[in-house]
Amino acid sequence: MKYFKAIFLFLLYEICIIIIFYALIMFFPKILDFNLSPFIPSDYIVYEQMFLCNFLIPFSGIIGYLLGGYVLAPTFLYFHKKIFGSKLTYGIQKKPEVKDISILSKSFFPVMLAINIASTIIISSEGIINDLILSPALNGFKSTTSGLALRKALTLLLLFPTAFAISMFVFSSVWFLKNSGIVYSNKKKVENLSEPWVIRSVGGWYHTILKGYGGVGVIITFTSFLFSSIASIIGSFGDITLWLTVILWFTGIFLLILATIPSLILNELLRKKSASYVMRYAHKMKINQFVNMDFSLGEDIKFKNVKEEILEKTQKPNGKDGLISNNEEKEKSDDIQSQNR
């Protein structure tokens, strides 16, 4: 049952891709009778796109996952220990078995980073890339407005497997580090300071950095890329075409998120092996002790407002601080002075 939802969603992704492209064949058989790229073994653009979406994108994610996890995870751990290790305490957290695969939370940012990489390549060197990876027939579309918009979208699709492999190469290292359960604490660093001490995973620290780049960067780059594509449509087509283009863009992002599912399933299958692999390097760095993560809560903190504090002070018995006791002490002092006279 752990893998049922993930497998079902990936099969749904595959079926949706097949239905979409076969619908294009049915409605536009002659218009789409040209090839997409000389690097894909087909002369029909629809079959080439099916090959990219159904096979090459998921497969490139798996390759990137395996290479990145086994290469970058020990490297990232080494640099974290080397740079911050003198002021931090490292340990290993015992993690329970995962009962479900978090598809959206794990796949969203790798997809965003991949889109960012591909969009950046197109924006910075579109002419060179188009001449390199697009077919001569498709490059001939650049003289028309619709051809320009189509060419940008297809170039992004062609670059996505490579960009996705790079993105998974980076993010898989974070997953390997999280699987290992390696955490650190700054308690030693802030022992004589007023700052609170925290416990955080090494993988989570890198994940925050990558999410910041993949999130903010893709908003800027992808928005620029999307608006340039929309600008090429405005003036040549109606509003319906414009809205359909925007809907297709965001539908494509959702489908690409589903394309990461094979890598996520592989991550769960290799969870224990990847953890053991990282911990072997951690042991060489003298990270070999388990951490007690008992974060239990005590009694509630009681906050008093100003009125309650004043009433409490004024109602205290004699001999204690408060308005009544102070007046009584003053009267006693006056009596003693009069008796001495």
Protein backbone atom coordinates (compact mmCIF):
# COMPACT_ATOMS: atom_id res chain seq x y z
CA MET A 1 0.00 0.00 0.00
CA LYS A 2 2.98 2.29 0.52
CA TYR A 3 3.68 2.47 -3.21
CA PHE A 4 0.12 2.09 -4.51
CA LYS A 5 -0.73 5.79 -4.76
CA ALA A 6 2.62 6.65 -6.36
CA ILE A 7 2.41 3.85 -8.95
CA PHE A 8 -1.22 4.72 -9.71
CA LEU A 9 -0.41 8.40 -10.27
CA PHE A 10 2.55 7.59 -12.50
CA LEU A 11 0.44 5.23 -14.62
CA LEU A 12 -2.16 7.99 -14.83
CA TYR A 13 0.59 10.35 -16.03
CA GLU A 14 1.67 7.90 -18.72
CA ILE A 15 -1.91 7.38 -19.90
CA CYS A 16 -2.61 11.12 -19.99
CA ILE A 17 0.49 11.75 -22.10
CA ILE A 18 -0.53 9.03 -24.57
CA ILE A 19 -4.11 10.35 -24.82
CA ILE A 20 -2.95 13.96 -25.35
CA PHE A 21 -0.52 13.12 -28.13
CA TYR A 22 -2.78 10.66 -29.89
CA ALA A 23 -5.47 13.36 -29.87
CA LEU A 24 -2.99 15.60 -31.68
CA ILE A 25 -2.42 12.87 -34.25
CA MET A 26 -6.17 12.51 -34.83
CA PHE A 27 -6.91 16.23 -35.20
CA PHE A 28 -3.69 17.49 -36.80
CA PRO A 29 -2.17 14.59 -38.76
CA LYS A 30 -0.68 16.66 -41.60
CA ILE A 31 0.20 19.84 -39.72
CA LEU A 32 2.50 17.90 -37.37
CA ASP A 33 4.16 15.84 -40.09
CA PHE A 34 7.77 16.87 -39.37
CA ASN A 35 10.50 15.86 -36.96
CA LEU A 36 11.43 17.62 -33.73
CA SER A 37 15.14 16.92 -33.31
CA PRO A 38 17.85 14.97 -35.12
CA PHE A 39 18.87 13.40 -31.78
CA ILE A 40 15.59 11.47 -31.32
CA PRO A 41 15.09 8.31 -33.45
CA SER A 42 11.83 9.31 -35.17
CA ASP A 43 10.67 11.48 -38.04
CA TYR A 44 7.31 12.42 -36.51
CA ILE A 45 7.18 15.16 -33.86
CA VAL A 46 4.33 13.61 -31.86
CA TYR A 47 6.17 10.31 -31.39
CA GLU A 48 9.29 12.19 -30.42
CA GLN A 49 7.38 14.12 -27.76
CA MET A 50 5.86 10.91 -26.44
CA PHE A 51 9.34 9.41 -26.20
CA LEU A 52 10.53 12.45 -24.24
CA CYS A 53 7.60 12.58 -21.80
CA ASN A 54 6.88 8.87 -21.33
CA PHE A 55 10.42 7.60 -21.12
CA LEU A 56 13.32 10.04 -21.32
CA ILE A 57 12.24 12.54 -18.63
CA PRO A 58 11.50 9.90 -15.93
CA PHE A 59 14.63 7.94 -16.90
CA SER A 60 16.86 11.02 -16.75
CA GLY A 61 15.50 11.72 -13.25
CA ILE A 62 16.52 8.21 -12.13
CA ILE A 63 20.04 8.60 -13.57
CA GLY A 64 20.43 12.00 -11.92
CA TYR A 65 19.17 10.59 -8.62
CA LEU A 66 21.65 7.71 -8.55
CA LEU A 67 24.66 9.76 -9.60
CA GLY A 68 23.91 12.73 -7.37
CA GLY A 69 23.08 10.73 -4.27
CA TYR A 70 26.22 8.63 -4.33
CA VAL A 71 28.54 11.45 -5.38
CA LEU A 72 27.23 14.65 -3.81
CA ALA A 73 25.81 13.43 -0.49
CA PRO A 74 29.22 12.56 1.08
CA THR A 75 30.70 15.70 -0.51
CA PHE A 76 28.02 17.98 0.95
CA LEU A 77 28.42 16.36 4.37
CA TYR A 78 32.21 16.83 4.22
CA PHE A 79 31.95 20.55 3.38
CA HIS A 80 29.33 21.16 6.08
CA LYS A 81 31.53 19.48 8.68
CA LYS A 82 34.65 21.22 7.41
CA ILE A 83 33.14 24.73 7.40
CA PHE A 84 30.85 24.64 10.44
CA GLY A 85 32.00 21.56 12.33
CA SER A 86 34.24 23.31 14.87
CA LYS A 87 31.24 25.10 16.41
CA LEU A 88 28.59 22.39 16.02
CA THR A 89 27.87 18.99 17.51
CA TYR A 90 26.85 16.23 15.08
CA GLY A 91 24.88 13.07 15.72
CA ILE A 92 22.57 10.51 14.11
CA GLN A 93 18.83 10.47 14.64
CA LYS A 94 16.95 7.18 14.61
CA LYS A 95 14.14 7.60 12.09
CA PRO A 96 10.95 5.51 11.97
CA GLU A 97 9.82 3.71 8.83
CA VAL A 98 8.13 5.99 6.30
CA LYS A 99 4.53 4.94 5.65
CA ASP A 100 3.80 7.12 2.62
CA ILE A 101 5.62 8.82 -0.26
CA SER A 102 5.31 12.62 -0.21
CA ILE A 103 5.05 13.28 -3.93
CA LEU A 104 4.23 16.98 -4.10
CA SER A 105 6.52 18.20 -1.32
CA LYS A 106 9.53 16.29 -2.67
CA SER A 107 9.04 16.73 -6.41
CA PHE A 108 7.88 20.36 -6.66
CA PHE A 109 11.23 22.07 -6.14
CA PRO A 110 13.29 19.66 -8.31
CA VAL A 111 10.86 20.35 -11.16
CA MET A 112 11.06 24.10 -10.52
CA LEU A 113 14.85 24.00 -10.56
CA ALA A 114 14.83 22.01 -13.81
CA ILE A 115 12.49 24.54 -15.45
CA ASN A 116 14.75 27.31 -14.19
CA ILE A 117 17.84 25.68 -15.70
CA ALA A 118 16.18 25.03 -19.07
CA SER A 119 14.61 28.51 -19.23
CA THR A 120 17.93 30.16 -18.37
CA ILE A 121 19.69 28.28 -21.17
CA ILE A 122 17.04 29.34 -23.69
CA ILE A 123 17.05 32.99 -22.60
CA SER A 124 20.86 33.26 -22.60
CA SER A 125 21.64 31.41 -25.83
CA GLU A 126 18.43 30.64 -27.69
CA GLY A 127 19.85 30.91 -31.20
CA ILE A 128 22.77 28.55 -30.60
CA ILE A 129 20.62 25.99 -28.76
CA ASN A 130 17.93 26.00 -31.43
CA ASP A 131 20.42 25.43 -34.24
CA LEU A 132 22.01 22.62 -32.22
CA ILE A 133 19.03 20.55 -31.06
CA LEU A 134 16.08 21.47 -33.30
CA SER A 135 15.43 20.00 -36.72
CA PRO A 136 15.88 22.20 -39.83
CA ALA A 137 12.12 22.03 -40.44
CA LEU A 138 11.34 23.37 -36.98
CA ASN A 139 13.99 26.08 -37.20
CA GLY A 140 12.21 27.32 -40.32
CA PHE A 141 9.27 28.39 -38.14
CA LYS A 142 11.17 31.32 -36.66
CA SER A 143 9.93 33.75 -39.32
CA THR A 144 6.35 33.58 -37.99
CA THR A 145 4.93 34.66 -34.63
CA SER A 146 3.23 31.34 -33.96
CA GLY A 147 6.37 29.49 -35.03
CA LEU A 148 8.44 31.48 -32.53
CA ALA A 149 6.11 30.58 -29.64
CA LEU A 150 6.00 26.92 -30.67
CA ARG A 151 9.75 26.75 -31.05
CA LYS A 152 10.35 28.11 -27.54
CA ALA A 153 8.00 25.59 -25.99
CA LEU A 154 9.52 22.66 -27.89
CA THR A 155 13.06 23.79 -27.08
CA LEU A 156 12.14 23.82 -23.40
CA LEU A 157 10.73 20.31 -23.74
CA LEU A 158 13.89 19.08 -25.45
CA LEU A 159 16.15 20.60 -22.81
CA PHE A 160 14.06 19.39 -19.89
CA PRO A 161 15.45 15.82 -19.65
CA THR A 162 18.99 17.20 -19.29
CA ALA A 163 17.88 19.96 -16.91
CA PHE A 164 15.83 17.46 -14.89
CA ALA A 165 18.81 15.11 -14.58
CA ILE A 166 20.92 18.01 -13.26
CA SER A 167 18.20 19.02 -10.81
CA MET A 168 17.78 15.46 -9.51
CA PHE A 169 21.56 15.14 -9.32
CA VAL A 170 21.54 18.00 -6.80
CA PHE A 171 18.34 17.22 -4.87
CA SER A 172 19.06 13.50 -4.48
CA SER A 173 22.03 14.38 -2.30
CA VAL A 174 19.60 16.10 0.07
CA TRP A 175 17.39 12.99 0.13
CA PHE A 176 20.40 10.76 0.87
CA LEU A 177 21.45 13.03 3.75
CA LYS A 178 17.91 13.07 5.15
CA ASN A 179 17.70 9.28 4.88
CA SER A 180 20.85 8.98 6.97
CA GLY A 181 19.32 10.99 9.83
CA ILE A 182 22.48 13.05 10.41
CA VAL A 183 21.67 16.12 12.51
CA TYR A 184 23.62 18.89 14.19
CA SER A 185 23.14 21.22 17.14
CA ASN A 186 24.50 24.70 17.76
CA LYS A 187 24.29 24.29 21.56
CA LYS A 188 28.08 24.51 21.92
CA LYS A 189 28.17 27.61 19.72
CA VAL A 190 25.52 29.60 21.64
CA GLU A 191 26.36 28.27 25.11
CA ASN A 192 27.52 31.70 26.33
CA LEU A 193 25.17 33.72 24.13
CA SER A 194 21.55 34.79 24.47
CA GLU A 195 20.51 32.92 21.30
CA PRO A 196 18.46 29.71 21.61
CA TRP A 197 20.03 26.44 20.56
CA VAL A 198 18.49 24.34 17.79
CA ILE A 199 18.74 20.85 16.32
CA ARG A 200 18.57 20.54 12.55
CA SER A 201 19.35 17.93 9.90
CA VAL A 202 22.26 18.48 7.52
CA GLY A 203 20.01 17.50 4.62
CA GLY A 204 17.39 20.00 5.75
CA TRP A 205 19.99 22.78 5.79
CA TYR A 206 20.96 22.12 2.17
CA HIS A 207 17.29 21.66 1.24
CA THR A 208 16.48 25.18 2.44
CA ILE A 209 19.20 26.63 0.23
CA LEU A 210 18.07 24.68 -2.83
CA LYS A 211 14.41 25.54 -2.25
CA GLY A 212 15.30 29.22 -2.07
CA TYR A 213 17.17 29.11 -5.36
CA GLY A 214 14.69 26.78 -7.07
CA GLY A 215 11.69 28.74 -5.80
CA VAL A 216 12.68 32.39 -6.16
CA GLY A 217 14.88 31.82 -9.20
CA VAL A 218 12.23 29.96 -11.15
CA ILE A 219 9.61 32.63 -10.43
CA ILE A 220 11.84 35.26 -12.02
CA THR A 221 13.19 33.18 -14.90
CA PHE A 222 10.06 31.22 -15.76
CA THR A 223 7.83 34.31 -15.54
CA SER A 224 10.14 36.11 -17.96
CA PHE A 225 10.13 33.11 -20.28
CA LEU A 226 6.33 32.68 -20.06
CA PHE A 227 5.61 36.34 -20.74
CA SER A 228 7.92 36.37 -23.75
CA SER A 229 6.01 33.38 -25.13
CA ILE A 230 2.66 35.05 -24.41
CA ALA A 231 3.85 38.27 -26.03
CA SER A 232 4.52 36.39 -29.24
CA ILE A 233 0.94 35.05 -29.21
CA ILE A 234 -0.79 38.36 -28.49
CA GLY A 235 -1.71 40.10 -31.70
CA SER A 236 -1.70 36.93 -33.80
CA PHE A 237 -4.32 34.89 -31.97
CA GLY A 238 -7.42 35.52 -29.88
CA ASP A 239 -7.90 35.49 -26.13
CA ILE A 240 -9.00 31.85 -26.16
CA THR A 241 -5.66 30.74 -27.57
CA LEU A 242 -3.85 32.87 -25.02
CA TRP A 243 -5.68 31.32 -22.08
CA LEU A 244 -5.27 27.83 -23.51
CA THR A 245 -1.53 28.45 -23.73
CA VAL A 246 -1.33 29.51 -20.08
CA ILE A 247 -3.43 26.52 -18.98
CA LEU A 248 -1.22 24.16 -20.97
CA TRP A 249 1.91 25.61 -19.35
CA PHE A 250 0.67 24.96 -15.82
CA THR A 251 -0.80 21.58 -16.78
CA GLY A 252 2.63 20.70 -18.10
CA ILE A 253 4.21 21.62 -14.76
CA PHE A 254 1.76 19.33 -12.94
CA LEU A 255 2.54 16.46 -15.32
CA LEU A 256 6.26 17.01 -14.86
CA ILE A 257 5.79 16.70 -11.10
CA LEU A 258 4.26 13.27 -11.71
CA ALA A 259 7.27 12.38 -13.87
CA THR A 260 9.45 12.43 -10.73
CA ILE A 261 7.54 9.51 -9.18
CA PRO A 262 9.97 6.76 -10.38
CA SER A 263 12.83 8.60 -8.66
CA LEU A 264 10.76 8.97 -5.48
CA ILE A 265 9.92 5.26 -5.47
CA LEU A 266 13.59 4.42 -6.00
CA ASN A 267 14.49 6.71 -3.09
CA GLU A 268 12.17 4.73 -0.80
CA LEU A 269 13.49 1.38 -2.04
CA LEU A 270 17.07 2.51 -1.40
CA ARG A 271 16.33 4.37 1.85
CA LYS A 272 18.24 2.00 4.14
CA LYS A 273 21.09 1.43 1.68
CA SER A 274 21.51 5.14 1.02
CA ALA A 275 21.49 5.83 4.77
CA SER A 276 24.16 3.18 5.40
CA TYR A 277 26.24 4.56 2.52
CA VAL A 278 26.25 8.10 3.93
CA MET A 279 26.86 6.90 7.49
CA ARG A 280 30.01 5.08 6.40
CA TYR A 281 31.47 8.44 5.41
CA ALA A 282 30.01 10.06 8.51
CA HIS A 283 31.86 7.53 10.67
CA LYS A 284 35.14 8.61 9.05
CA MET A 285 34.27 12.18 10.03
CA LYS A 286 33.71 11.02 13.65
CA ILE A 287 29.93 11.32 13.42
CA ASN A 288 29.09 8.02 15.08
CA GLN A 289 26.77 8.67 18.02
CA PHE A 290 22.99 8.51 18.16
CA VAL A 291 21.05 11.54 19.39
CA ASN A 292 18.28 11.45 22.00
CA MET A 293 15.43 13.43 20.41
CA ASP A 294 12.99 13.47 23.34
CA PHE A 295 11.25 16.79 22.77
CA SER A 296 8.72 16.57 25.62
CA LEU A 297 6.68 19.55 26.82
CA GLY A 298 6.22 20.62 30.45
CA GLU A 299 3.55 22.69 32.17
CA ASP A 300 1.93 25.68 30.50
CA ILE A 301 3.37 29.15 30.97
CA LYS A 302 0.96 31.39 32.89
CA PHE A 303 0.88 35.00 31.77
CA LYS A 304 -0.65 37.72 33.97
CA ASN A 305 -1.98 41.02 32.77
CA VAL A 306 -1.19 44.35 34.47
CA LYS A 307 -4.48 44.51 36.38
CA GLU A 308 -3.97 41.08 37.94
CA GLU A 309 -0.44 42.00 39.02
CA ILE A 310 -1.65 45.23 40.73
CA LEU A 311 -4.45 43.42 42.55
CA GLU A 312 -2.06 40.70 43.67
CA LYS A 313 0.36 43.27 45.09
CA THR A 314 -2.32 45.30 46.89
CA GLN A 315 -3.84 42.19 48.49
CA LYS A 316 -0.62 40.79 49.98
CA PRO A 317 -0.45 40.35 53.82
CA ASN A 318 1.52 42.59 56.15
CA GLY A 319 5.25 42.54 55.85
CA LYS A 320 5.19 42.01 52.09
CA ASP A 321 5.36 44.39 49.21
CA GLY A 322 2.08 46.10 48.35
CA LEU A 323 0.17 49.35 48.90
CA ILE A 324 -1.69 48.24 52.04
CA SER A 325 1.32 46.81 53.82
CA ASN A 326 3.41 49.90 53.01
CA ASN A 327 0.78 52.23 54.58
CA GLU A 328 0.52 50.07 57.67
CA GLU A 329 4.28 50.05 58.11
CA LYS A 330 4.32 53.86 57.83
CA GLU A 331 1.66 54.17 60.57
CA LYS A 332 3.65 51.85 62.84
CA SER A 333 6.77 53.92 62.26
CA ASP A 334 4.92 57.15 63.22
CA ASP A 335 3.64 55.53 66.47
CA ILE A 336 7.13 54.47 67.48
CA GLN A 337 8.53 57.96 66.85
CA SER A 338 5.76 59.58 68.97
CA GLN A 339 6.43 57.16 71.86
CA ASN A 340 10.14 57.98 71.80
CA ARG A 341 9.34 61.67 72.13
